[in-house]
C-alpha atoms as a PDB file:
ATOM      1  CA  UNK A   1      80.061 -35.051  23.088  1.00  0.00           C
ATOM      2  CA  UNK A   2      80.842 -32.527  25.791  1.00  0.00           C
ATOM      3  CA  UNK A   3      83.765 -30.144  25.427  1.00  0.00           C
ATOM      4  CA  UNK A   4      86.392 -30.448  28.150  1.00  0.00           C
ATOM      5  CA  UNK A   5      88.894 -27.845  26.945  1.00  0.00           C
ATOM      6  CA  UNK A   6      89.983 -25.899  23.884  1.00  0.00           C
ATOM      7  CA  UNK A   7      93.537 -24.895  23.072  1.00  0.00           C
ATOM      8  CA  UNK A   8      95.205 -22.634  20.554  1.00  0.00           C
ATOM      9  CA  UNK A   9      98.630 -23.666  19.343  1.00  0.00           C
ATOM     10  CA  UNK A  10     101.034 -20.745  19.079  1.00  0.00           C
ATOM     11  CA  UNK A  11     103.725 -22.743  17.285  1.00  0.00           C
ATOM     12  CA  UNK A  12     101.497 -23.717  14.355  1.00  0.00           C
ATOM     13  CA  UNK A  13      99.688 -20.522  13.391  1.00  0.00           C
ATOM     14  CA  UNK A  14      95.993 -20.570  14.278  1.00  0.00           C
ATOM     15  CA  UNK A  15      95.606 -24.274  14.932  1.00  0.00           C
ATOM     16  CA  UNK A  16      93.016 -25.268  17.515  1.00  0.00           C
ATOM     17  CA  UNK A  17      92.324 -28.470  19.432  1.00  0.00           C
ATOM     18  CA  UNK A  18      88.979 -29.209  21.048  1.00  0.00           C
ATOM     19  CA  UNK A  19      89.213 -31.887  23.757  1.00  0.00           C
ATOM     20  CA  UNK A  20      86.088 -33.854  24.694  1.00  0.00           C
ATOM     21  CA  UNK A  21      85.235 -35.716  27.896  1.00  0.00           C
ATOM     22  CA  UNK A  22      85.082 -39.038  26.004  1.00  0.00           C
ATOM     23  CA  UNK A  23      88.900 -38.860  25.485  1.00  0.00           C
ATOM     24  CA  UNK A  24      88.669 -37.790  21.855  1.00  0.00           C
ATOM     25  CA  UNK A  25      89.818 -34.542  20.312  1.00  0.00           C
ATOM     26  CA  UNK A  26      89.250 -32.498  17.184  1.00  0.00           C
ATOM     27  CA  UNK A  27      92.143 -30.602  15.584  1.00  0.00           C
ATOM     28  CA  UNK A  28      91.163 -27.686  13.373  1.00  0.00           C
ATOM     29  CA  UNK A  29      92.601 -24.964  11.216  1.00  0.00           C
ATOM     30  CA  UNK A  30      90.798 -21.654  10.592  1.00  0.00           C
ATOM     31  CA  UNK A  31      89.790 -22.844   7.108  1.00  0.00           C
ATOM     32  CA  UNK A  32      88.509 -26.203   8.390  1.00  0.00           C
ATOM     33  CA  UNK A  33      85.725 -26.449   5.761  1.00  0.00           C
ATOM     34  CA  UNK A  34      88.134 -25.937   2.873  1.00  0.00           C
ATOM     35  CA  UNK A  35      89.840 -28.724   0.952  1.00  0.00           C
ATOM     36  CA  UNK A  36      93.112 -27.170   2.174  1.00  0.00           C
ATOM     37  CA  UNK A  37      91.920 -27.026   5.791  1.00  0.00           C
ATOM     38  CA  UNK A  38      92.227 -29.430   8.694  1.00  0.00           C
ATOM     39  CA  UNK A  39      89.384 -31.013  10.681  1.00  0.00           C
ATOM     40  CA  UNK A  40      90.576 -34.289  12.138  1.00  0.00           C
ATOM     41  CA  UNK A  41      89.247 -36.371  15.017  1.00  0.00           C
ATOM     42  CA  UNK A  42      91.643 -38.326  17.176  1.00  0.00           C
ATOM     43  CA  UNK A  43      91.744 -40.411  20.326  1.00  0.00           C
ATOM     44  CA  UNK A  44      93.682 -39.646  23.461  1.00  0.00           C
ATOM     45  CA  UNK A  45      92.324 -36.957  25.603  1.00  0.00           C
ATOM     46  CA  UNK A  46      93.459 -34.400  28.075  1.00  0.00           C
ATOM     47  CA  UNK A  47      93.841 -35.679  31.629  1.00  0.00           C
ATOM     48  CA  UNK A  48      92.340 -33.869  34.593  1.00  0.00           C
ATOM     49  CA  UNK A  49      95.880 -33.396  35.912  1.00  0.00           C
ATOM     50  CA  UNK A  50      96.956 -31.652  32.710  1.00  0.00           C
ATOM     51  CA  UNK A  51      93.884 -29.450  32.849  1.00  0.00           C
ATOM     52  CA  UNK A  52      94.513 -28.558  36.511  1.00  0.00           C
ATOM     53  CA  UNK A  53      98.148 -27.776  35.725  1.00  0.00           C
ATOM     54  CA  UNK A  54      97.099 -25.450  32.893  1.00  0.00           C
ATOM     55  CA  UNK A  55      94.550 -23.696  35.078  1.00  0.00           C
ATOM     56  CA  UNK A  56      97.288 -22.943  37.601  1.00  0.00           C
ATOM     57  CA  UNK A  57     100.007 -21.896  35.157  1.00  0.00           C
ATOM     58  CA  UNK A  58      98.652 -19.035  33.073  1.00  0.00           C
ATOM     59  CA  UNK A  59      96.372 -21.401  31.147  1.00  0.00           C
ATOM     60  CA  UNK A  60      99.262 -23.040  29.320  1.00  0.00           C
ATOM     61  CA  UNK A  61      99.239 -26.797  28.733  1.00  0.00           C
ATOM     62  CA  UNK A  62     102.671 -26.625  27.226  1.00  0.00           C
ATOM     63  CA  UNK A  63     105.025 -24.064  25.773  1.00  0.00           C
ATOM     64  CA  UNK A  64     102.871 -23.986  22.639  1.00  0.00           C
ATOM     65  CA  UNK A  65      99.307 -24.683  23.811  1.00  0.00           C
ATOM     66  CA  UNK A  66      97.143 -22.087  25.550  1.00  0.00           C
ATOM     67  CA  UNK A  67      93.654 -22.790  26.927  1.00  0.00           C
ATOM     68  CA  UNK A  68      91.009 -20.564  25.361  1.00  0.00           C
ATOM     69  CA  UNK A  69      87.245 -20.056  25.563  1.00  0.00           C
ATOM     70  CA  UNK A  70      84.916 -21.478  22.896  1.00  0.00           C
ATOM     71  CA  UNK A  71      83.924 -17.943  21.945  1.00  0.00           C
ATOM     72  CA  UNK A  72      87.581 -17.047  21.305  1.00  0.00           C
ATOM     73  CA  UNK A  73      87.484 -19.385  18.307  1.00  0.00           C
ATOM     74  CA  UNK A  74      86.733 -17.779  14.942  1.00  0.00           C
ATOM     75  CA  UNK A  75      82.974 -17.964  14.241  1.00  0.00           C
ATOM     76  CA  UNK A  76      83.565 -20.245  11.247  1.00  0.00           C
ATOM     77  CA  UNK A  77      85.472 -22.683  13.478  1.00  0.00           C
ATOM     78  CA  UNK A  78      82.758 -22.525  16.186  1.00  0.00           C
ATOM     79  CA  UNK A  79      80.127 -23.499  13.606  1.00  0.00           C
ATOM     80  CA  UNK A  80      82.291 -26.339  12.329  1.00  0.00           C
ATOM     81  CA  UNK A  81      82.800 -27.709  15.863  1.00  0.00           C
ATOM     82  CA  UNK A  82      79.029 -27.630  16.461  1.00  0.00           C
ATOM     83  CA  UNK A  83      78.469 -29.467  13.168  1.00  0.00           C
ATOM     84  CA  UNK A  84      81.049 -32.150  14.018  1.00  0.00           C
ATOM     85  CA  UNK A  85      79.518 -32.627  17.486  1.00  0.00           C
ATOM     86  CA  UNK A  86      76.064 -33.112  15.964  1.00  0.00           C
ATOM     87  CA  UNK A  87      77.479 -35.565  13.410  1.00  0.00           C
ATOM     88  CA  UNK A  88      79.193 -37.484  16.205  1.00  0.00           C
ATOM     89  CA  UNK A  89      76.010 -37.662  18.255  1.00  0.00           C
ATOM     90  CA  UNK A  90      74.127 -39.029  15.249  1.00  0.00           C
ATOM     91  CA  UNK A  91      76.695 -41.825  14.854  1.00  0.00           C
ATOM     92  CA  UNK A  92      76.047 -43.160  18.367  1.00  0.00           C
END
């Protein structure tokens, strides 16, 4: 899986979405490894048009979603994303 974009949702405190080029996404909370956390895969990606729009409008996909860099994610979330990517690659 290759990351296409990452967003931070400002409406739902510290919720992140990692979009992949295979039209899947991973939604995460900061405590994604906890039983009270969120780490959920879904289908339905981010179109190139949406990504271009965000790049030309202050990196906002919508009123609530802002594009961010992988290294802007909390370290715990970065490690979880890497783990989920490796798990996904092993399933193929």
